[in-house]
Amino acid sequence: MKKIVLYPNKVLTTPTKKVTHIDDEIIDLLDDMYQVIKAKDAIGLAANQVGVSKSVIVIELDEETGLFEMINPEIIASSGKSIDVEGCLSFPDVYGTVERYEEVTVRYVDREGYEMEVDATGYLARAFQHEMEHLRGELFTDSIIETIEPDNLVAYMEEHGYD
C-alpha cells in the first residue's frame, strides 16, 4: 500500500499532470488509492498525496453515495457557498473551517475511459473540491477561516450540530 505524503513535500504544491491514457499503471493507482482511504478511514485522496503527480482522485463519502474514481476531474458548474470543517491526510491533526461551493457539477473520466458527469451537494461537493484542489497544487490550509485544535474537534462538531 502506498504511503501518505506529508506537507511540506513539494509534490503537494506542484500541479499534477493530466492523464493522457488509461493503462494498468492508472488502474493500479486507483486500486492502491482506494486501499489507502479504507485503511485510513478517510473520505478521499488525490494521487499527489501518495507521491504520484497524476490528475486522479478517489472519494467514498459513504456506502450510499458509493465510490468515485475520477481521472482528470474538472468543475463545470457551481453554486452557493457554505462553510464547514475539513481535515487532510497530508496534514495530520490539522482541522479548520473552509468556505466552498455548496453545489458542483464535475466532469471526469472513469477507469473504463468513459466521460462522466456528477452533480454533488453538501459534503460530497466539498470532498470533490478539496481533492481537486490538491490536483492544482493548492492546500486547504491556505483557505482555513478558523483553526480547530484536535483536542477540541469533537466538542466543536457537537456544538455546531454535526452528527
N, C-alpha and C. Protein backbone atom coordinates (compact mmCIF):
# COMPACT_ATOMS: atom_id res chain seq x y z
N MET A 1 0.85 -1.19 0.00
CA MET A 1 0.00 0.00 0.00
C MET A 1 0.89 1.24 0.00
N LYS A 2 0.48 2.22 -0.77
CA LYS A 2 1.24 3.47 -0.87
C LYS A 2 1.16 4.24 0.45
N LYS A 3 2.19 5.03 0.72
CA LYS A 3 2.24 5.85 1.93
C LYS A 3 1.75 7.27 1.64
N ILE A 4 1.14 7.87 2.64
CA ILE A 4 0.67 9.25 2.54
C ILE A 4 1.87 10.20 2.57
N VAL A 5 1.89 11.13 1.63
CA VAL A 5 2.90 12.18 1.59
C VAL A 5 2.44 13.30 2.51
N LEU A 6 3.34 13.75 3.37
CA LEU A 6 3.01 14.81 4.32
C LEU A 6 3.60 16.14 3.88
N TYR A 7 2.87 17.22 4.19
CA TYR A 7 3.38 18.56 3.97
C TYR A 7 4.62 18.73 4.83
N PRO A 8 5.70 19.33 4.32
CA PRO A 8 5.85 20.23 3.19
C PRO A 8 6.40 19.58 1.91
N ASN A 9 6.20 18.32 1.67
CA ASN A 9 6.68 17.69 0.44
C ASN A 9 6.21 18.49 -0.78
N LYS A 10 7.13 18.79 -1.69
CA LYS A 10 6.85 19.64 -2.85
C LYS A 10 5.79 19.05 -3.79
N VAL A 11 5.62 17.73 -3.80
CA VAL A 11 4.63 17.12 -4.69
C VAL A 11 3.22 17.64 -4.36
N LEU A 12 3.01 18.06 -3.11
CA LEU A 12 1.69 18.55 -2.71
C LEU A 12 1.40 19.96 -3.23
N THR A 13 2.43 20.72 -3.54
CA THR A 13 2.22 22.09 -4.01
C THR A 13 2.57 22.27 -5.49
N THR A 14 2.71 21.16 -6.18
CA THR A 14 3.00 21.16 -7.61
C THR A 14 1.78 20.64 -8.35
N PRO A 15 1.25 21.41 -9.31
CA PRO A 15 0.09 20.90 -10.07
C PRO A 15 0.39 19.55 -10.73
N THR A 16 -0.61 18.68 -10.71
CA THR A 16 -0.44 17.34 -11.28
C THR A 16 -0.57 17.39 -12.80
N LYS A 17 -0.16 16.30 -13.44
CA LYS A 17 -0.24 16.18 -14.89
C LYS A 17 -1.52 15.46 -15.28
N LYS A 18 -2.13 15.89 -16.38
CA LYS A 18 -3.32 15.22 -16.91
C LYS A 18 -2.95 13.80 -17.32
N VAL A 19 -3.90 12.89 -17.18
CA VAL A 19 -3.73 11.52 -17.63
C VAL A 19 -4.09 11.49 -19.12
N THR A 20 -3.18 11.01 -19.94
CA THR A 20 -3.43 11.01 -21.39
C THR A 20 -4.00 9.69 -21.89
N HIS A 21 -3.73 8.60 -21.18
CA HIS A 21 -4.38 7.33 -21.50
C HIS A 21 -4.41 6.46 -20.25
N ILE A 22 -5.45 5.64 -20.17
CA ILE A 22 -5.64 4.79 -19.00
C ILE A 22 -4.99 3.45 -19.29
N ASP A 23 -3.99 3.13 -18.45
CA ASP A 23 -3.28 1.86 -18.61
C ASP A 23 -3.27 1.14 -17.26
N ASP A 24 -2.57 0.02 -17.19
CA ASP A 24 -2.51 -0.75 -15.94
C ASP A 24 -1.97 0.07 -14.78
N GLU A 25 -1.04 0.98 -15.07
CA GLU A 25 -0.47 1.82 -14.03
C GLU A 25 -1.55 2.69 -13.38
N ILE A 26 -2.44 3.26 -14.19
CA ILE A 26 -3.52 4.11 -13.66
C ILE A 26 -4.54 3.25 -12.90
N ILE A 27 -4.88 2.10 -13.43
CA ILE A 27 -5.82 1.20 -12.74
C ILE A 27 -5.24 0.77 -11.39
N ASP A 28 -3.95 0.40 -11.37
CA ASP A 28 -3.30 0.03 -10.12
C ASP A 28 -3.28 1.20 -9.14
N LEU A 29 -3.05 2.41 -9.66
CA LEU A 29 -3.06 3.61 -8.82
C LEU A 29 -4.44 3.80 -8.18
N LEU A 30 -5.50 3.69 -8.95
CA LEU A 30 -6.86 3.81 -8.42
C LEU A 30 -7.10 2.77 -7.33
N ASP A 31 -6.70 1.53 -7.59
CA ASP A 31 -6.89 0.46 -6.60
C ASP A 31 -6.10 0.75 -5.32
N ASP A 32 -4.84 1.17 -5.48
CA ASP A 32 -4.00 1.48 -4.33
C ASP A 32 -4.58 2.64 -3.51
N MET A 33 -5.05 3.67 -4.21
CA MET A 33 -5.61 4.83 -3.52
C MET A 33 -6.86 4.44 -2.73
N TYR A 34 -7.67 3.56 -3.30
CA TYR A 34 -8.86 3.11 -2.58
C TYR A 34 -8.45 2.35 -1.31
N GLN A 35 -7.43 1.52 -1.41
CA GLN A 35 -6.94 0.79 -0.23
C GLN A 35 -6.47 1.75 0.85
N VAL A 36 -5.83 2.85 0.45
CA VAL A 36 -5.36 3.85 1.42
C VAL A 36 -6.53 4.49 2.14
N ILE A 37 -7.56 4.92 1.40
CA ILE A 37 -8.66 5.60 2.10
C ILE A 37 -9.40 4.62 3.01
N LYS A 38 -9.48 3.36 2.63
CA LYS A 38 -10.13 2.38 3.51
C LYS A 38 -9.28 2.17 4.77
N ALA A 39 -7.98 2.00 4.59
CA ALA A 39 -7.08 1.75 5.73
C ALA A 39 -7.03 2.94 6.68
N LYS A 40 -7.12 4.16 6.14
CA LYS A 40 -7.02 5.38 6.95
C LYS A 40 -8.40 5.89 7.40
N ASP A 41 -9.47 5.17 7.03
CA ASP A 41 -10.83 5.60 7.34
C ASP A 41 -11.06 7.04 6.87
N ALA A 42 -10.63 7.29 5.63
CA ALA A 42 -10.71 8.62 5.04
C ALA A 42 -11.83 8.68 4.01
N ILE A 43 -12.16 9.88 3.59
CA ILE A 43 -13.22 10.11 2.59
C ILE A 43 -12.63 10.18 1.19
N GLY A 44 -11.47 10.80 1.04
CA GLY A 44 -10.93 11.00 -0.30
C GLY A 44 -9.42 11.13 -0.30
N LEU A 45 -8.88 11.05 -1.53
CA LEU A 45 -7.44 11.10 -1.69
C LEU A 45 -7.12 11.53 -3.11
N ALA A 46 -6.11 12.40 -3.24
CA ALA A 46 -5.60 12.80 -4.54
C ALA A 46 -4.28 12.05 -4.78
N ALA A 47 -3.98 11.76 -6.04
CA ALA A 47 -2.79 10.97 -6.36
C ALA A 47 -1.50 11.58 -5.83
N ASN A 48 -1.40 12.91 -5.85
CA ASN A 48 -0.16 13.51 -5.35
C ASN A 48 0.01 13.32 -3.84
N GLN A 49 -1.05 12.96 -3.14
CA GLN A 49 -0.95 12.67 -1.71
C GLN A 49 -0.27 11.33 -1.45
N VAL A 50 -0.12 10.52 -2.50
CA VAL A 50 0.66 9.28 -2.39
C VAL A 50 1.90 9.37 -3.29
N GLY A 51 2.28 10.60 -3.64
CA GLY A 51 3.52 10.84 -4.36
C GLY A 51 3.46 10.68 -5.87
N VAL A 52 2.26 10.59 -6.43
CA VAL A 52 2.11 10.39 -7.87
C VAL A 52 1.49 11.65 -8.48
N SER A 53 2.22 12.31 -9.35
CA SER A 53 1.77 13.58 -9.92
C SER A 53 0.87 13.34 -11.14
N LYS A 54 -0.29 12.76 -10.88
CA LYS A 54 -1.29 12.50 -11.92
C LYS A 54 -2.62 13.09 -11.47
N SER A 55 -3.44 13.50 -12.42
CA SER A 55 -4.74 14.10 -12.11
C SER A 55 -5.78 13.00 -11.86
N VAL A 56 -5.68 12.41 -10.67
CA VAL A 56 -6.53 11.29 -10.28
C VAL A 56 -6.96 11.48 -8.83
N ILE A 57 -8.25 11.28 -8.55
CA ILE A 57 -8.75 11.29 -7.17
C ILE A 57 -9.70 10.12 -6.96
N VAL A 58 -9.79 9.69 -5.71
CA VAL A 58 -10.80 8.72 -5.30
C VAL A 58 -11.53 9.29 -4.10
N ILE A 59 -12.85 9.10 -4.09
CA ILE A 59 -13.68 9.61 -2.99
C ILE A 59 -14.77 8.59 -2.71
N GLU A 60 -14.92 8.27 -1.43
CA GLU A 60 -16.06 7.45 -1.00
C GLU A 60 -16.56 8.05 0.31
N LEU A 61 -17.60 8.87 0.18
CA LEU A 61 -18.17 9.55 1.34
C LEU A 61 -18.83 8.53 2.27
N ASP A 62 -19.64 7.65 1.68
CA ASP A 62 -20.33 6.59 2.41
C ASP A 62 -20.83 5.56 1.41
N GLU A 63 -21.43 4.49 1.92
CA GLU A 63 -21.91 3.43 1.02
C GLU A 63 -23.02 3.92 0.11
N GLU A 64 -23.83 4.85 0.61
CA GLU A 64 -24.96 5.35 -0.18
C GLU A 64 -24.49 6.08 -1.45
N THR A 65 -23.49 6.93 -1.32
CA THR A 65 -23.00 7.67 -2.49
C THR A 65 -22.09 6.81 -3.35
N GLY A 66 -21.42 5.83 -2.73
CA GLY A 66 -20.55 4.93 -3.47
C GLY A 66 -19.19 5.53 -3.74
N LEU A 67 -18.40 4.77 -4.51
CA LEU A 67 -17.02 5.14 -4.81
C LEU A 67 -16.95 5.95 -6.10
N PHE A 68 -16.23 7.07 -6.04
CA PHE A 68 -15.95 7.87 -7.23
C PHE A 68 -14.46 7.77 -7.52
N GLU A 69 -14.14 7.27 -8.70
CA GLU A 69 -12.77 7.23 -9.19
C GLU A 69 -12.73 8.21 -10.36
N MET A 70 -12.02 9.31 -10.17
CA MET A 70 -12.07 10.40 -11.14
C MET A 70 -10.71 10.67 -11.74
N ILE A 71 -10.65 10.59 -13.05
CA ILE A 71 -9.44 10.90 -13.79
C ILE A 71 -9.68 12.23 -14.51
N ASN A 72 -8.74 13.15 -14.37
CA ASN A 72 -8.84 14.49 -14.97
C ASN A 72 -10.15 15.20 -14.62
N PRO A 73 -10.52 15.24 -13.33
CA PRO A 73 -11.78 15.89 -12.97
C PRO A 73 -11.72 17.41 -13.13
N GLU A 74 -12.86 18.00 -13.47
CA GLU A 74 -12.96 19.46 -13.53
C GLU A 74 -14.37 19.88 -13.16
N ILE A 75 -14.45 20.98 -12.44
CA ILE A 75 -15.76 21.54 -12.08
C ILE A 75 -16.26 22.32 -13.28
N ILE A 76 -17.47 21.97 -13.74
CA ILE A 76 -18.04 22.67 -14.90
C ILE A 76 -19.20 23.57 -14.52
N ALA A 77 -19.69 23.44 -13.29
CA ALA A 77 -20.73 24.33 -12.78
C ALA A 77 -20.66 24.33 -11.27
N SER A 78 -21.03 25.47 -10.67
CA SER A 78 -21.01 25.57 -9.21
C SER A 78 -22.01 26.63 -8.78
N SER A 79 -22.50 26.47 -7.53
CA SER A 79 -23.40 27.49 -6.98
C SER A 79 -23.40 27.41 -5.46
N GLY A 80 -23.85 28.51 -4.87
CA GLY A 80 -23.96 28.59 -3.42
C GLY A 80 -22.61 28.56 -2.73
N LYS A 81 -22.62 28.85 -1.47
CA LYS A 81 -21.41 28.79 -0.65
C LYS A 81 -21.78 28.21 0.70
N SER A 82 -20.84 27.49 1.30
CA SER A 82 -21.03 27.00 2.66
C SER A 82 -19.68 26.91 3.34
N ILE A 83 -19.72 26.98 4.65
CA ILE A 83 -18.51 26.86 5.46
C ILE A 83 -18.66 25.60 6.31
N ASP A 84 -17.62 24.76 6.29
CA ASP A 84 -17.67 23.52 7.06
C ASP A 84 -16.26 23.13 7.48
N VAL A 85 -16.18 22.13 8.35
CA VAL A 85 -14.92 21.66 8.89
C VAL A 85 -14.26 20.68 7.92
N GLU A 86 -12.94 20.81 7.77
CA GLU A 86 -12.17 19.89 6.95
C GLU A 86 -10.89 19.49 7.67
N GLY A 87 -10.39 18.33 7.27
CA GLY A 87 -9.08 17.85 7.68
C GLY A 87 -8.43 17.26 6.44
N CYS A 88 -7.21 16.75 6.58
CA CYS A 88 -6.49 16.24 5.41
C CYS A 88 -5.44 15.23 5.86
N LEU A 89 -5.35 14.11 5.14
CA LEU A 89 -4.37 13.09 5.48
C LEU A 89 -2.94 13.61 5.40
N SER A 90 -2.68 14.58 4.54
CA SER A 90 -1.33 15.12 4.39
C SER A 90 -0.98 16.15 5.47
N PHE A 91 -1.97 16.49 6.30
CA PHE A 91 -1.80 17.42 7.42
C PHE A 91 -2.39 16.79 8.67
N PRO A 92 -1.71 15.80 9.26
CA PRO A 92 -2.28 15.13 10.44
C PRO A 92 -2.59 16.13 11.55
N ASP A 93 -3.74 15.95 12.15
CA ASP A 93 -4.17 16.75 13.30
C ASP A 93 -4.34 18.24 12.99
N VAL A 94 -4.57 18.58 11.72
CA VAL A 94 -4.89 19.95 11.36
C VAL A 94 -6.34 19.98 10.88
N TYR A 95 -7.14 20.81 11.52
CA TYR A 95 -8.56 20.93 11.18
C TYR A 95 -8.93 22.40 11.13
N GLY A 96 -9.89 22.71 10.29
CA GLY A 96 -10.34 24.09 10.23
C GLY A 96 -11.56 24.22 9.34
N THR A 97 -12.19 25.37 9.44
CA THR A 97 -13.35 25.65 8.60
C THR A 97 -12.89 26.28 7.30
N VAL A 98 -13.54 25.87 6.21
CA VAL A 98 -13.19 26.34 4.87
C VAL A 98 -14.49 26.64 4.12
N GLU A 99 -14.49 27.75 3.38
CA GLU A 99 -15.65 28.07 2.54
C GLU A 99 -15.47 27.40 1.17
N ARG A 100 -16.54 26.74 0.71
CA ARG A 100 -16.53 26.08 -0.61
C ARG A 100 -17.91 26.26 -1.25
N TYR A 101 -17.99 25.89 -2.53
CA TYR A 101 -19.30 25.87 -3.18
C TYR A 101 -20.18 24.81 -2.53
N GLU A 102 -21.45 25.10 -2.41
CA GLU A 102 -22.42 24.16 -1.84
C GLU A 102 -22.80 23.08 -2.85
N GLU A 103 -22.81 23.45 -4.13
CA GLU A 103 -23.18 22.51 -5.19
C GLU A 103 -22.17 22.62 -6.33
N VAL A 104 -21.78 21.46 -6.87
CA VAL A 104 -20.89 21.44 -8.03
C VAL A 104 -21.32 20.36 -9.02
N THR A 105 -20.98 20.59 -10.27
CA THR A 105 -21.08 19.55 -11.29
C THR A 105 -19.66 19.29 -11.74
N VAL A 106 -19.26 18.02 -11.68
CA VAL A 106 -17.89 17.64 -12.02
C VAL A 106 -17.92 16.72 -13.24
N ARG A 107 -17.06 17.04 -14.20
CA ARG A 107 -16.86 16.18 -15.37
C ARG A 107 -15.53 15.47 -15.20
N TYR A 108 -15.51 14.18 -15.49
CA TYR A 108 -14.29 13.39 -15.31
C TYR A 108 -14.33 12.16 -16.22
N VAL A 109 -13.25 11.44 -16.24
CA VAL A 109 -13.17 10.18 -16.96
C VAL A 109 -13.08 9.07 -15.91
N ASP A 110 -13.83 7.98 -16.11
CA ASP A 110 -13.77 6.87 -15.17
C ASP A 110 -12.70 5.86 -15.59
N ARG A 111 -12.52 4.82 -14.81
CA ARG A 111 -11.45 3.85 -15.08
C ARG A 111 -11.63 3.10 -16.39
N GLU A 112 -12.87 3.11 -16.92
CA GLU A 112 -13.14 2.45 -18.19
C GLU A 112 -12.87 3.38 -19.37
N GLY A 113 -12.59 4.65 -19.08
CA GLY A 113 -12.33 5.61 -20.14
C GLY A 113 -13.55 6.40 -20.59
N TYR A 114 -14.66 6.23 -19.87
CA TYR A 114 -15.89 6.95 -20.22
C TYR A 114 -15.93 8.32 -19.56
N GLU A 115 -16.36 9.34 -20.32
CA GLU A 115 -16.54 10.66 -19.74
C GLU A 115 -17.85 10.66 -18.95
N MET A 116 -17.77 11.14 -17.74
CA MET A 116 -18.91 11.13 -16.82
C MET A 116 -19.14 12.53 -16.28
N GLU A 117 -20.35 12.77 -15.79
CA GLU A 117 -20.66 13.99 -15.05
C GLU A 117 -21.44 13.60 -13.81
N VAL A 118 -21.18 14.30 -12.73
CA VAL A 118 -21.92 14.06 -11.50
C VAL A 118 -22.25 15.40 -10.86
N ASP A 119 -23.47 15.51 -10.36
CA ASP A 119 -23.90 16.67 -9.58
C ASP A 119 -23.76 16.30 -8.11
N ALA A 120 -23.17 17.17 -7.33
CA ALA A 120 -22.98 16.89 -5.91
C ALA A 120 -23.34 18.11 -5.09
N THR A 121 -23.86 17.84 -3.89
CA THR A 121 -24.18 18.91 -2.94
C THR A 121 -23.58 18.55 -1.59
N GLY A 122 -23.55 19.54 -0.72
CA GLY A 122 -23.13 19.30 0.66
C GLY A 122 -21.72 18.77 0.78
N TYR A 123 -21.55 17.77 1.66
CA TYR A 123 -20.20 17.31 1.97
C TYR A 123 -19.55 16.58 0.80
N LEU A 124 -20.35 15.94 -0.06
CA LEU A 124 -19.77 15.30 -1.24
C LEU A 124 -19.17 16.35 -2.17
N ALA A 125 -19.90 17.45 -2.38
CA ALA A 125 -19.37 18.55 -3.19
C ALA A 125 -18.08 19.10 -2.56
N ARG A 126 -18.08 19.21 -1.25
CA ARG A 126 -16.90 19.70 -0.52
C ARG A 126 -15.71 18.75 -0.74
N ALA A 127 -15.95 17.45 -0.65
CA ALA A 127 -14.88 16.47 -0.83
C ALA A 127 -14.30 16.56 -2.24
N PHE A 128 -15.17 16.67 -3.25
CA PHE A 128 -14.68 16.81 -4.63
C PHE A 128 -13.76 18.03 -4.73
N GLN A 129 -14.21 19.15 -4.18
CA GLN A 129 -13.43 20.39 -4.28
C GLN A 129 -12.10 20.29 -3.53
N HIS A 130 -12.12 19.67 -2.36
CA HIS A 130 -10.90 19.52 -1.57
C HIS A 130 -9.87 18.70 -2.34
N GLU A 131 -10.29 17.57 -2.88
CA GLU A 131 -9.35 16.69 -3.59
C GLU A 131 -8.88 17.32 -4.91
N MET A 132 -9.78 17.99 -5.61
CA MET A 132 -9.40 18.65 -6.87
C MET A 132 -8.43 19.80 -6.61
N GLU A 133 -8.55 20.44 -5.46
CA GLU A 133 -7.62 21.49 -5.06
C GLU A 133 -6.20 20.91 -4.98
N HIS A 134 -6.08 19.70 -4.42
CA HIS A 134 -4.77 19.04 -4.37
C HIS A 134 -4.17 18.90 -5.77
N LEU A 135 -4.99 18.55 -6.74
CA LEU A 135 -4.50 18.34 -8.10
C LEU A 135 -3.91 19.62 -8.69
N ARG A 136 -4.39 20.76 -8.24
CA ARG A 136 -3.87 22.05 -8.69
C ARG A 136 -2.65 22.49 -7.88
N GLY A 137 -2.25 21.67 -6.91
CA GLY A 137 -1.11 22.04 -6.07
C GLY A 137 -1.48 23.03 -4.99
N GLU A 138 -2.77 23.11 -4.68
CA GLU A 138 -3.26 24.03 -3.65
C GLU A 138 -3.58 23.26 -2.38
N LEU A 139 -3.57 23.94 -1.24
CA LEU A 139 -3.74 23.28 0.05
C LEU A 139 -4.92 23.89 0.82
N PHE A 140 -5.67 23.04 1.50
CA PHE A 140 -6.82 23.53 2.27
C PHE A 140 -6.38 24.46 3.38
N THR A 141 -5.15 24.30 3.86
CA THR A 141 -4.66 25.14 4.95
C THR A 141 -4.56 26.60 4.54
N ASP A 142 -4.43 26.86 3.24
CA ASP A 142 -4.37 28.24 2.76
C ASP A 142 -5.73 28.93 2.81
N SER A 143 -6.80 28.14 2.98
CA SER A 143 -8.16 28.68 2.97
C SER A 143 -8.86 28.59 4.31
N ILE A 144 -8.15 28.13 5.34
CA ILE A 144 -8.80 27.96 6.64
C ILE A 144 -9.24 29.31 7.20
N ILE A 145 -10.49 29.36 7.60
CA ILE A 145 -11.07 30.56 8.22
C ILE A 145 -10.82 30.52 9.73
N GLU A 146 -11.12 29.37 10.33
CA GLU A 146 -10.95 29.19 11.77
C GLU A 146 -10.28 27.84 12.01
N THR A 147 -9.13 27.85 12.67
CA THR A 147 -8.43 26.61 13.01
C THR A 147 -9.10 25.98 14.22
N ILE A 148 -9.21 24.65 14.19
CA ILE A 148 -9.80 23.92 15.30
C ILE A 148 -8.75 22.96 15.83
N GLU A 149 -8.42 23.09 17.09
CA GLU A 149 -7.42 22.21 17.71
C GLU A 149 -7.96 20.78 17.75
N PRO A 150 -7.10 19.79 17.50
CA PRO A 150 -7.55 18.39 17.50
C PRO A 150 -8.30 17.99 18.78
N ASP A 151 -7.83 18.47 19.93
CA ASP A 151 -8.49 18.14 21.19
C ASP A 151 -9.89 18.73 21.29
N ASN A 152 -10.17 19.77 20.51
CA ASN A 152 -11.47 20.44 20.56
C ASN A 152 -12.39 20.04 19.41
N LEU A 153 -11.93 19.16 18.53
CA LEU A 153 -12.70 18.84 17.32
C LEU A 153 -14.07 18.24 17.65
N VAL A 154 -14.12 17.26 18.51
CA VAL A 154 -15.39 16.61 18.84
C VAL A 154 -16.35 17.62 19.47
N ALA A 155 -15.86 18.40 20.41
CA ALA A 155 -16.70 19.40 21.08
C ALA A 155 -17.18 20.43 20.05
N TYR A 156 -16.30 20.86 19.16
CA TYR A 156 -16.68 21.83 18.12
C TYR A 156 -17.80 21.26 17.24
N MET A 157 -17.62 20.02 16.83
CA MET A 157 -18.61 19.38 15.95
C MET A 157 -19.97 19.27 16.66
N GLU A 158 -19.96 18.86 17.92
CA GLU A 158 -21.21 18.74 18.69
C GLU A 158 -21.85 20.11 18.87
N GLU A 159 -21.06 21.10 19.20
CA GLU A 159 -21.56 22.45 19.44
C GLU A 159 -22.21 23.04 18.19
N HIS A 160 -21.69 22.67 17.02
CA HIS A 160 -22.20 23.21 15.77
C HIS A 160 -23.17 22.26 15.05
N GLY A 161 -23.66 21.25 15.74
CA GLY A 161 -24.72 20.41 15.22
C GLY A 161 -24.32 19.35 14.21
N TYR A 162 -23.08 18.91 14.22
CA TYR A 162 -22.65 17.83 13.34
C TYR A 162 -23.00 16.49 13.95
N ASP A 163 -23.24 15.52 13.10
CA ASP A 163 -23.53 14.16 13.60
C ASP A 163 -22.26 13.43 13.96
